[in-house]
Amino acid sequence: MYTVTLKGRGDLGEWRDAARAFLQGGVLPERIVWEAAGAAEGLFAAEPNHLPPPLPQIGPISVPPDFIKLAGAVICHSDPGRFSLLYRLLFRLMYQRRLLDMLADVDVVAARRMAKTVGRDYHKMTAFVRFKEIPLPQDSGGRRKFVAWFEPDHFIVERVAPFFQRRFNDMDWLIATPKGAASWDGETLRTTDAPARKPHLKDETEDLWRTYYASIFNPARLKVKAMTSEMPKKYWKNLPEAELIPGLIANAERSVLEMAAKAASEPLPFHHRLQEAAARAPAAPKLPSGTLASLKEEARHCTRCDLHCMATQTVFGDGPEEATVMVVGEQPGDQEDLAGKPFVGPAGQMFNDVLREAGFDRRSLYVTNAVKHFKYEARGKRRIHQKPNMGEIQQCRWWLSQEIELVKPKLVVAMGATAYFALTGEKQKLSDVRSKPMPMEGGRTLYVTVHPSYLLRLPDGEQKAAELLRFKRDIESVQSLARSFV
């Protein structure tokens, strides 16, 4: 049996030198006992190891680059078994060159789990280090100096130090930890694996962290389990903002109620500005009744349902007054609500692209929506689409019916289940009625397909490609039908 003692402070080189000697000597993994030197017994000068002489018949050792990368992370782990695990992998790689591709192998799984844990510790250190400024004499004239304390689980100081050097290159700093320290003076990055002591400093940045954290805390999205997973409690003692967390959690329900009451009475700021600008605009000349233009003007002041309260404006249909084809979508989205025109957002761009590929001129289509106001839920500065309910669809059917009567299309294309319900009053599975021309009141033809936003939401690449191809075929069928009516 061989016993090898390493400092074990995250230095891959010391393990590699010993492992190379054992491997060249043909020593089996089970004949080696790996140990890490304790801080009190020769941290910087472990007892010399008696390594076997190399065997001359074994040539140079080469390993896959992936192993070097994996070993560099695993060696930083604090588990005492990491040395023997890495040697087993190294020994087996001499005979199984593709060992690391065997994702179910016990040793490979253990090593990758250690590497992932080290990576998480790295991430937590970059997120939770809090620098405090060291007071300097007024006449010092030097660069500002900062110090921070962190308690990592693993030996990652040397590994993470370059990140802080790049991030805080314009100041002098020292990061002290029980597992080593790193410092930067504007010219040289230094690291040591010697344990450091916790500095005791307080400065005004602690109040800034508390103010910042309190301002970004959203009680409506509070998930305590997820929060403690991302910010484990073991780090709280060194985070100035953490002392606010218990109070913020305790008052979260009350804060949500206050936010809800305020949101109900105060729409988004730009909504007020647009409404004020519309009120100042001179009155438009009265348009002749019985035209799309007069219907659009009338729809601008629609209050048939509550959706007008939060929407920026009515988004009416757009296109030729006597179009052969009318396309009906669900409702305007965020960009349509601001622009006042249908299908100008991401779904509209996809619709335009498909039309262009099919050689179909959008300018020949009359494009509208079943619902004319944007229904959404405000989340911070974002407005998240919400599906209109049956009552809202039925109220808006009054406008859609008049559009159909004025445009007199030969072919009406319903994109999505909402549009199909608005046009027929029937609730059917879209798959049961899709791609099938159907008779409609007034001697018109109804053709049903999906809404382009459905394609944008598909997460699977293969399914998305297949559905997009099917949607293109639907548009080509619409184009063929339109030609038959000319």
Protein backbone atom coordinates (compact mmCIF):
# COMPACT_ATOMS: atom_id res chain seq x y z
CA MET A 1 0.00 0.00 0.00
CA TYR A 2 1.06 3.56 -0.69
CA THR A 3 0.01 6.60 1.28
CA VAL A 4 0.24 10.03 -0.31
CA THR A 5 -0.44 13.25 1.59
CA LEU A 6 -1.42 16.40 -0.30
CA LYS A 7 -2.09 19.93 0.88
CA GLY A 8 -5.45 19.57 -0.80
CA ARG A 9 -6.21 23.27 -1.24
CA GLY A 10 -7.45 23.18 -4.82
CA ASP A 11 -4.06 22.81 -6.58
CA LEU A 12 -4.43 20.36 -9.47
CA GLY A 13 -0.68 20.34 -10.07
CA GLU A 14 0.27 18.59 -6.82
CA TRP A 15 -2.27 15.81 -7.38
CA ARG A 16 -1.28 15.49 -11.05
CA ASP A 17 2.42 15.03 -10.23
CA ALA A 18 1.66 12.29 -7.72
CA ALA A 19 -0.93 10.62 -9.94
CA ARG A 20 1.47 10.58 -12.92
CA ALA A 21 4.13 8.83 -10.86
CA PHE A 22 1.69 6.17 -9.63
CA LEU A 23 0.27 5.64 -13.12
CA GLN A 24 3.71 5.27 -14.70
CA GLY A 25 4.52 2.77 -11.92
CA GLY A 26 1.42 0.76 -12.79
CA VAL A 27 -0.05 1.13 -9.28
CA LEU A 28 -3.69 0.07 -9.02
CA PRO A 29 -6.15 2.60 -7.50
CA GLU A 30 -7.02 0.32 -4.58
CA ARG A 31 -3.35 0.27 -3.46
CA ILE A 32 -3.20 4.01 -2.80
CA VAL A 33 -4.46 5.89 0.25
CA TRP A 34 -4.87 9.59 -0.48
CA GLU A 35 -4.89 12.05 2.40
CA ALA A 36 -5.22 15.81 2.76
CA ALA A 37 -2.87 17.52 5.23
CA GLY A 38 -4.64 19.30 8.10
CA ALA A 39 -4.12 23.00 8.71
CA ALA A 40 -2.28 22.27 11.93
CA GLU A 41 0.09 19.67 10.56
CA GLY A 42 2.27 20.96 7.83
CA LEU A 43 -0.16 22.83 5.62
CA PHE A 44 2.71 24.27 3.62
CA ALA A 45 5.18 21.41 4.07
CA ALA A 46 3.52 18.00 4.09
CA GLU A 47 5.61 14.92 4.80
CA PRO A 48 7.46 13.73 1.68
CA ASN A 49 5.66 10.97 -0.17
CA HIS A 50 7.35 7.76 -1.22
CA LEU A 51 6.31 7.31 -4.82
CA PRO A 52 7.08 4.23 -6.95
CA PRO A 53 9.75 4.53 -9.62
CA PRO A 54 8.34 4.95 -13.15
CA LEU A 55 8.34 1.89 -15.37
CA PRO A 56 10.41 2.49 -18.50
CA GLN A 57 8.09 0.50 -20.77
CA ILE A 58 5.15 2.92 -20.24
CA GLY A 59 5.29 5.86 -22.60
CA PRO A 60 3.97 9.41 -22.20
CA ILE A 61 0.55 9.71 -20.59
CA SER A 62 -2.15 11.53 -22.51
CA VAL A 63 -5.70 12.17 -21.35
CA PRO A 64 -8.70 13.83 -23.02
CA PRO A 65 -8.92 17.62 -22.52
CA ASP A 66 -12.35 17.09 -20.93
CA PHE A 67 -10.70 15.18 -18.09
CA ILE A 68 -8.30 18.04 -17.33
CA LYS A 69 -11.22 20.45 -17.21
CA LEU A 70 -13.25 18.10 -15.00
CA ALA A 71 -10.31 17.39 -12.69
CA GLY A 72 -9.61 21.12 -12.30
CA ALA A 73 -13.08 21.54 -10.81
CA VAL A 74 -13.21 18.32 -8.78
CA ILE A 75 -9.85 18.99 -7.11
CA CYS A 76 -11.37 22.15 -5.59
CA HIS A 77 -14.05 20.12 -3.80
CA SER A 78 -13.66 19.63 -0.06
CA ASP A 79 -14.60 15.93 -0.12
CA PRO A 80 -11.53 13.88 1.02
CA GLY A 81 -12.46 11.20 -1.53
CA ARG A 82 -11.85 13.47 -4.51
CA PHE A 83 -8.20 12.42 -4.93
CA SER A 84 -8.93 8.70 -5.14
CA LEU A 85 -11.94 9.33 -7.40
CA LEU A 86 -9.82 11.28 -9.87
CA TYR A 87 -7.10 8.62 -9.85
CA ARG A 88 -9.64 5.87 -10.55
CA LEU A 89 -10.92 7.85 -13.50
CA LEU A 90 -7.38 8.50 -14.73
CA PHE A 91 -6.41 4.83 -14.41
CA ARG A 92 -9.54 3.68 -16.25
CA LEU A 93 -9.03 6.25 -19.02
CA MET A 94 -5.86 4.44 -20.02
CA TYR A 95 -8.09 1.53 -21.14
CA GLN A 96 -11.45 3.23 -21.74
CA ARG A 97 -10.71 6.37 -23.75
CA ARG A 98 -14.39 7.33 -23.97
CA LEU A 99 -15.10 6.75 -20.29
CA LEU A 100 -16.29 10.32 -19.70
CA ASP A 101 -19.05 9.83 -22.30
CA MET A 102 -20.55 7.05 -20.16
CA LEU A 103 -22.99 9.26 -18.29
CA ALA A 104 -24.34 6.40 -16.14
CA ASP A 105 -20.91 5.33 -14.86
CA VAL A 106 -20.72 5.64 -11.06
CA ASP A 107 -17.32 7.39 -11.03
CA VAL A 108 -18.25 9.75 -13.87
CA VAL A 109 -21.53 10.66 -12.15
CA ALA A 110 -19.73 11.33 -8.85
CA ALA A 111 -17.07 13.50 -10.51
CA ARG A 112 -19.58 15.55 -12.49
CA ARG A 113 -21.68 16.04 -9.36
CA MET A 114 -18.62 17.36 -7.51
CA ALA A 115 -17.77 19.68 -10.42
CA LYS A 116 -21.33 20.99 -10.47
CA THR A 117 -21.19 21.67 -6.73
CA VAL A 118 -17.92 23.56 -7.12
CA GLY A 119 -19.46 25.58 -9.96
CA ARG A 120 -22.42 26.48 -7.76
CA ASP A 121 -20.05 27.56 -4.98
CA TYR A 122 -18.19 29.70 -7.55
CA HIS A 123 -21.47 31.31 -8.63
CA LYS A 124 -22.51 32.01 -5.03
CA MET A 125 -19.19 33.68 -4.30
CA THR A 126 -19.50 36.00 -7.32
CA ALA A 127 -23.05 36.88 -6.21
CA PHE A 128 -22.66 37.27 -2.45
CA VAL A 129 -19.28 38.93 -1.89
CA ARG A 130 -19.87 42.35 -0.29
CA PHE A 131 -16.92 44.77 -0.31
CA LYS A 132 -16.40 47.32 2.45
CA GLU A 133 -14.16 50.34 2.02
CA ILE A 134 -11.09 50.70 4.21
CA PRO A 135 -10.72 54.26 5.54
CA LEU A 136 -7.54 55.97 4.30
CA PRO A 137 -5.78 59.12 5.53
CA GLN A 138 -7.01 62.23 3.71
CA ASP A 139 -3.54 62.97 2.35
CA SER A 140 -2.88 59.42 1.15
CA GLY A 141 -3.73 60.27 -2.48
CA GLY A 142 -3.86 56.56 -3.37
CA ARG A 143 -6.47 54.30 -4.85
CA ARG A 144 -9.49 53.36 -2.79
CA LYS A 145 -9.13 50.06 -0.94
CA PHE A 146 -11.80 47.51 -0.16
CA VAL A 147 -12.00 44.29 1.79
CA ALA A 148 -14.57 41.47 1.80
CA TRP A 149 -15.20 38.31 3.77
CA PHE A 150 -16.73 35.15 2.33
CA GLU A 151 -17.09 31.56 3.54
CA PRO A 152 -17.02 29.15 0.57
CA ASP A 153 -17.71 25.46 0.97
CA HIS A 154 -14.84 24.48 -1.30
CA PHE A 155 -11.32 25.58 -2.29
CA ILE A 156 -12.34 28.00 -5.04
CA VAL A 157 -10.45 31.19 -4.16
CA GLU A 158 -7.74 30.84 -6.82
CA ARG A 159 -10.35 29.69 -9.32
CA VAL A 160 -12.66 32.68 -8.83
CA ALA A 161 -10.03 35.39 -8.26
CA PRO A 162 -9.66 36.30 -11.99
CA PHE A 163 -13.39 37.07 -12.14
CA PHE A 164 -13.06 39.71 -9.43
CA GLN A 165 -9.88 41.08 -11.02
CA ARG A 166 -11.80 41.67 -14.28
CA ARG A 167 -14.90 42.99 -12.51
CA PHE A 168 -13.18 45.33 -10.06
CA ASN A 169 -10.03 46.23 -11.95
CA ASP A 170 -10.14 49.91 -10.98
CA MET A 171 -9.84 49.44 -7.22
CA ASP A 172 -7.57 47.69 -4.74
CA TRP A 173 -9.27 44.87 -2.91
CA LEU A 174 -8.75 41.87 -0.65
CA ILE A 175 -11.14 38.93 -0.35
CA ALA A 176 -10.50 36.89 2.77
CA THR A 177 -11.93 33.40 3.37
CA PRO A 178 -11.26 30.44 5.71
CA LYS A 179 -9.93 28.60 2.64
CA GLY A 180 -7.51 31.25 1.37
CA ALA A 181 -7.41 34.84 0.16
CA ALA A 182 -7.10 36.85 -3.05
CA SER A 183 -5.95 40.44 -3.55
CA TRP A 184 -5.51 42.94 -6.37
CA ASP A 185 -3.42 46.14 -6.29
CA GLY A 186 -4.01 47.36 -9.83
CA GLU A 187 -1.03 45.44 -11.23
CA THR A 188 -0.76 42.00 -9.66
CA LEU A 189 -3.37 39.42 -8.71
CA ARG A 190 -2.22 37.40 -5.71
CA THR A 191 -3.76 34.34 -4.10
CA THR A 192 -2.85 32.24 -1.08
CA ASP A 193 -4.35 29.06 0.33
CA ALA A 194 -3.62 30.08 3.92
CA PRO A 195 -6.78 30.52 6.04
CA ALA A 196 -7.61 34.17 6.73
CA ARG A 197 -9.33 35.87 9.63
CA LYS A 198 -12.61 37.68 9.30
CA PRO A 199 -12.11 41.48 9.17
CA HIS A 200 -14.46 43.61 11.24
CA LEU A 201 -15.46 46.66 9.24
CA LYS A 202 -18.65 48.64 8.68
CA ASP A 203 -19.28 51.30 6.10
CA GLU A 204 -22.10 53.23 4.44
CA THR A 205 -22.43 50.71 1.61
CA GLU A 206 -24.30 48.41 4.00
CA ASP A 207 -27.18 50.89 4.06
CA LEU A 208 -27.05 51.11 0.26
CA TRP A 209 -27.38 47.33 -0.03
CA ARG A 210 -30.38 47.37 2.31
CA THR A 211 -32.05 50.17 0.34
CA TYR A 212 -31.40 48.42 -2.97
CA TYR A 213 -32.69 45.05 -1.78
CA ALA A 214 -35.84 46.54 -0.25
CA SER A 215 -36.58 48.37 -3.52
CA ILE A 216 -36.30 45.26 -5.73
CA PHE A 217 -38.14 42.90 -3.38
CA ASN A 218 -41.46 41.94 -5.01
CA PRO A 219 -43.87 40.45 -2.43
CA ALA A 220 -46.28 39.34 -5.17
CA ARG A 221 -43.66 36.94 -6.52
CA LEU A 222 -42.38 35.71 -3.15
CA LYS A 223 -41.49 32.02 -3.07
CA VAL A 224 -39.59 31.39 0.16
CA LYS A 225 -38.31 27.95 -0.85
CA ALA A 226 -36.96 29.22 -4.16
CA MET A 227 -35.46 32.30 -2.50
CA THR A 228 -33.60 30.28 0.14
CA SER A 229 -32.41 27.93 -2.59
CA GLU A 230 -30.83 30.83 -4.50
CA MET A 231 -29.72 32.67 -1.34
CA PRO A 232 -29.09 29.93 1.27
CA LYS A 233 -29.35 31.02 4.89
CA LYS A 234 -25.72 30.12 5.58
CA TYR A 235 -24.71 33.23 3.58
CA TRP A 236 -27.09 35.61 5.36
CA LYS A 237 -24.78 36.43 8.27
CA ASN A 238 -22.35 38.15 5.88
CA LEU A 239 -24.99 39.97 3.78
CA PRO A 240 -26.11 43.34 5.16
CA GLU A 241 -29.41 43.16 3.29
CA ALA A 242 -30.26 39.75 4.78
CA GLU A 243 -31.42 41.28 8.07
CA LEU A 244 -34.38 42.75 6.15
CA ILE A 245 -35.59 39.39 4.81
CA PRO A 246 -37.61 38.14 7.83
CA GLY A 247 -39.54 41.42 7.99
CA LEU A 248 -40.12 41.52 4.23
CA ILE A 249 -41.48 37.97 4.29
CA ALA A 250 -43.71 38.65 7.29
CA ASN A 251 -45.23 41.74 5.65
CA ALA A 252 -45.46 40.27 2.13
CA GLU A 253 -49.22 39.62 2.21
CA ARG A 254 -50.01 43.13 3.38
CA SER A 255 -47.67 44.61 0.76
CA VAL A 256 -49.39 42.62 -2.00
CA LEU A 257 -52.79 43.97 -0.95
CA GLU A 258 -51.43 47.52 -0.97
CA MET A 259 -49.92 46.98 -4.44
CA ALA A 260 -53.21 45.57 -5.73
CA ALA A 261 -55.18 48.52 -4.42
CA LYS A 262 -52.73 50.96 -5.96
CA ALA A 263 -52.65 49.13 -9.32
CA ALA A 264 -56.43 49.18 -9.56
CA SER A 265 -56.51 52.96 -9.35
CA GLU A 266 -53.31 53.80 -11.24
CA PRO A 267 -52.80 52.44 -14.80
CA LEU A 268 -49.34 52.36 -16.31
CA PRO A 269 -47.77 55.85 -16.73
CA PHE A 270 -47.70 55.83 -20.53
CA HIS A 271 -51.43 55.06 -20.53
CA HIS A 272 -52.12 58.44 -18.91
CA ARG A 273 -49.83 60.23 -21.34
CA LEU A 274 -51.47 58.71 -24.41
CA GLN A 275 -54.96 59.42 -23.11
CA GLU A 276 -54.02 63.05 -22.36
CA ALA A 277 -52.52 63.44 -25.84
CA ALA A 278 -55.67 61.99 -27.40
CA ALA A 279 -57.83 64.41 -25.44
CA ARG A 280 -55.81 67.39 -26.72
CA ALA A 281 -56.03 66.28 -30.35
CA PRO A 282 -58.49 68.32 -32.48
CA ALA A 283 -61.78 66.64 -33.28
CA ALA A 284 -61.76 64.85 -36.61
CA PRO A 285 -64.39 65.78 -39.22
CA LYS A 286 -67.48 63.62 -39.09
CA LEU A 287 -67.21 60.67 -41.47
CA PRO A 288 -70.05 59.34 -43.63
CA SER A 289 -71.96 56.54 -41.90
CA GLY A 290 -71.92 53.01 -43.25
CA THR A 291 -68.20 53.00 -44.01
CA LEU A 292 -65.22 51.26 -42.42
CA ALA A 293 -63.73 54.63 -41.58
CA SER A 294 -66.82 55.70 -39.59
CA LEU A 295 -67.00 52.30 -37.88
CA LYS A 296 -63.32 52.56 -36.91
CA GLU A 297 -63.90 56.05 -35.47
CA GLU A 298 -66.87 54.78 -33.50
CA ALA A 299 -64.84 51.86 -32.17
CA ARG A 300 -62.22 54.27 -30.81
CA HIS A 301 -64.68 55.17 -28.04
CA CYS A 302 -65.89 51.63 -27.33
CA THR A 303 -66.85 50.92 -23.70
CA ARG A 304 -68.86 47.73 -24.26
CA CYS A 305 -66.65 45.76 -21.84
CA ASP A 306 -64.05 46.58 -19.17
CA LEU A 307 -61.04 45.91 -21.40
CA HIS A 308 -61.02 49.53 -22.59
CA CYS A 309 -60.12 50.69 -19.07
CA MET A 310 -56.50 49.51 -19.21
CA ALA A 311 -55.82 49.23 -22.94
CA THR A 312 -54.04 52.12 -24.63
CA GLN A 313 -56.45 52.27 -27.57
CA THR A 314 -58.85 50.31 -29.74
CA VAL A 315 -57.00 48.27 -32.36
CA PHE A 316 -59.35 48.07 -35.33
CA GLY A 317 -59.00 46.07 -38.54
CA ASP A 318 -56.69 47.12 -41.35
CA GLY A 319 -56.85 46.50 -45.09
CA PRO A 320 -58.87 47.11 -48.28
CA GLU A 321 -62.57 47.89 -47.85
CA GLU A 322 -63.56 45.21 -50.36
CA ALA A 323 -60.96 42.54 -49.67
CA THR A 324 -61.65 39.02 -50.89
CA VAL A 325 -60.03 37.53 -47.78
CA MET A 326 -60.54 38.62 -44.17
CA VAL A 327 -58.13 37.24 -41.54
CA VAL A 328 -59.36 37.18 -37.93
CA GLY A 329 -56.98 36.73 -34.99
CA GLU A 330 -57.59 36.66 -31.23
CA GLN A 331 -56.76 40.10 -29.82
CA PRO A 332 -54.03 42.78 -30.10
CA GLY A 333 -50.81 42.21 -28.21
CA ASP A 334 -48.49 44.64 -26.44
CA GLN A 335 -46.96 46.12 -29.62
CA GLU A 336 -50.31 46.26 -31.43
CA ASP A 337 -51.84 48.10 -28.46
CA LEU A 338 -49.16 50.79 -28.71
CA ALA A 339 -49.12 51.02 -32.52
CA GLY A 340 -52.89 50.86 -33.00
CA LYS A 341 -52.57 48.32 -35.84
CA PRO A 342 -53.17 44.54 -35.87
CA PHE A 343 -50.43 41.94 -36.31
CA VAL A 344 -47.31 44.11 -36.01
CA GLY A 345 -45.67 42.22 -33.10
CA PRO A 346 -43.72 38.93 -33.13
CA ALA A 347 -46.77 36.90 -34.24
CA GLY A 348 -47.45 39.44 -36.96
CA GLN A 349 -43.86 39.21 -38.19
CA MET A 350 -44.14 35.42 -38.45
CA PHE A 351 -47.46 35.82 -40.30
CA ASN A 352 -45.84 38.28 -42.73
CA ASP A 353 -42.89 35.95 -43.33
CA VAL A 354 -45.15 33.03 -44.19
CA LEU A 355 -47.24 35.21 -46.50
CA ARG A 356 -44.09 36.42 -48.25
CA GLU A 357 -42.81 32.86 -48.77
CA ALA A 358 -46.18 31.89 -50.26
CA GLY A 359 -46.15 34.93 -52.57
CA PHE A 360 -49.26 36.27 -50.82
CA ASP A 361 -49.52 40.07 -50.62
CA ARG A 362 -50.70 41.08 -47.15
CA ARG A 363 -51.93 44.38 -48.57
CA SER A 364 -54.71 42.46 -50.32
CA LEU A 365 -56.01 41.08 -47.00
CA TYR A 366 -58.25 42.68 -44.43
CA VAL A 367 -56.69 41.76 -41.08
CA THR A 368 -58.54 42.17 -37.78
CA ASN A 369 -59.10 40.54 -34.37
CA ALA A 370 -62.04 39.01 -32.56
CA VAL A 371 -61.37 41.35 -29.61
CA LYS A 372 -60.28 44.94 -30.20
CA HIS A 373 -58.62 45.79 -26.87
CA PHE A 374 -55.45 44.32 -25.35
CA LYS A 375 -56.14 42.21 -22.26
CA TYR A 376 -53.09 41.81 -20.04
CA GLU A 377 -51.69 41.45 -16.54
CA ALA A 378 -49.10 43.99 -15.42
CA ARG A 379 -45.93 42.45 -13.95
CA GLY A 380 -43.50 45.21 -13.14
CA LYS A 381 -42.87 47.03 -16.40
CA ARG A 382 -44.06 44.11 -18.52
CA ARG A 383 -47.61 43.49 -19.75
CA ILE A 384 -48.35 39.78 -19.95
CA HIS A 385 -51.02 38.64 -22.43
CA GLN A 386 -54.24 37.19 -20.97
CA LYS A 387 -56.81 35.23 -22.96
CA PRO A 388 -60.15 37.07 -23.38
CA ASN A 389 -63.17 35.38 -21.77
CA MET A 390 -66.43 34.44 -23.47
CA GLY A 391 -68.23 37.58 -22.31
CA GLU A 392 -65.54 39.84 -23.77
CA ILE A 393 -65.56 37.92 -27.05
CA GLN A 394 -69.33 38.16 -27.32
CA GLN A 395 -69.34 41.90 -26.60
CA CYS A 396 -66.76 42.50 -29.32
CA ARG A 397 -68.61 40.29 -31.82
CA TRP A 398 -70.79 43.35 -32.50
CA TRP A 399 -67.79 45.10 -34.11
CA LEU A 400 -66.57 42.01 -35.95
CA SER A 401 -70.00 41.37 -37.50
CA GLN A 402 -70.15 44.91 -38.83
CA GLU A 403 -66.64 44.60 -40.28
CA ILE A 404 -67.74 41.47 -42.15
CA GLU A 405 -70.89 43.18 -43.45
CA LEU A 406 -68.92 46.20 -44.73
CA VAL A 407 -65.92 44.37 -46.21
CA LYS A 408 -68.04 41.53 -47.68
CA PRO A 409 -65.16 39.00 -47.89
CA LYS A 410 -65.63 35.80 -49.87
CA LEU A 411 -63.24 33.92 -47.57
CA VAL A 412 -62.84 34.40 -43.79
CA VAL A 413 -59.76 32.87 -42.13
CA ALA A 414 -60.04 32.18 -38.39
CA MET A 415 -56.60 31.98 -36.76
CA GLY A 416 -57.02 30.22 -33.43
CA ALA A 417 -59.88 28.93 -31.26
CA THR A 418 -60.94 32.40 -30.07
CA ALA A 419 -61.45 33.63 -33.63
CA TYR A 420 -63.39 30.46 -34.53
CA PHE A 421 -65.71 30.92 -31.54
CA ALA A 422 -66.23 34.61 -32.33
CA LEU A 423 -67.20 33.80 -35.91
CA THR A 424 -69.39 30.74 -35.29
CA GLY A 425 -70.39 30.69 -31.63
CA GLU A 426 -69.15 27.08 -31.53
CA LYS A 427 -66.51 25.62 -29.20
CA GLN A 428 -64.65 22.89 -31.06
CA LYS A 429 -61.21 21.34 -30.89
CA LEU A 430 -59.13 23.29 -33.36
CA SER A 431 -57.73 20.03 -34.72
CA ASP A 432 -61.26 18.92 -35.69
CA VAL A 433 -61.97 21.95 -37.88
CA ARG A 434 -58.52 22.99 -39.03
CA SER A 435 -57.64 23.14 -42.75
CA LYS A 436 -61.23 22.36 -43.81
CA PRO A 437 -63.15 24.94 -45.86
CA MET A 438 -66.63 25.28 -44.34
CA PRO A 439 -69.76 27.17 -45.43
CA MET A 440 -70.56 30.34 -43.52
CA GLU A 441 -73.53 32.72 -43.34
CA GLY A 442 -73.86 35.07 -46.30
CA GLY A 443 -72.50 32.56 -48.80
CA ARG A 444 -68.97 32.94 -47.48
CA THR A 445 -66.35 30.28 -46.82
CA LEU A 446 -64.66 29.81 -43.45
CA TYR A 447 -61.15 28.38 -43.19
CA VAL A 448 -59.58 27.62 -39.78
CA THR A 449 -55.91 27.44 -38.88
CA VAL A 450 -53.70 28.14 -35.84
CA HIS A 451 -52.64 31.54 -34.58
CA PRO A 452 -48.94 32.36 -35.27
CA SER A 453 -48.40 33.00 -31.55
CA TYR A 454 -49.00 29.26 -30.99
CA LEU A 455 -45.95 28.53 -33.14
CA LEU A 456 -43.84 31.02 -31.20
CA ARG A 457 -44.66 29.28 -27.91
CA LEU A 458 -43.60 25.79 -28.99
CA PRO A 459 -40.44 24.82 -27.05
CA ASP A 460 -39.48 21.73 -29.06
CA GLY A 461 -37.51 22.59 -32.18
CA GLU A 462 -38.66 19.62 -34.27
CA GLN A 463 -42.32 20.12 -33.37
CA LYS A 464 -42.02 23.84 -34.11
CA ALA A 465 -40.56 23.16 -37.55
CA ALA A 466 -43.31 20.64 -38.35
CA GLU A 467 -46.09 22.96 -37.18
CA LEU A 468 -44.61 25.90 -39.08
CA LEU A 469 -44.58 23.81 -42.27
CA ARG A 470 -48.22 22.88 -41.69
CA PHE A 471 -49.14 26.53 -41.13
CA LYS A 472 -47.42 27.46 -44.41
CA ARG A 473 -49.49 24.82 -46.20
CA ASP A 474 -52.64 26.32 -44.66
CA ILE A 475 -51.70 29.75 -46.01
CA GLU A 476 -51.05 28.25 -49.43
CA SER A 477 -54.53 26.65 -49.30
CA VAL A 478 -56.01 30.04 -48.39
CA GLN A 479 -54.24 31.57 -51.36
CA SER A 480 -55.65 28.89 -53.71
CA LEU A 481 -59.16 29.40 -52.35
CA ALA A 482 -58.85 33.17 -52.75
CA ARG A 483 -57.90 32.75 -56.40
CA SER A 484 -60.97 30.59 -57.01
CA PHE A 485 -63.22 33.48 -55.91
CA VAL A 486 -61.72 36.01 -58.32
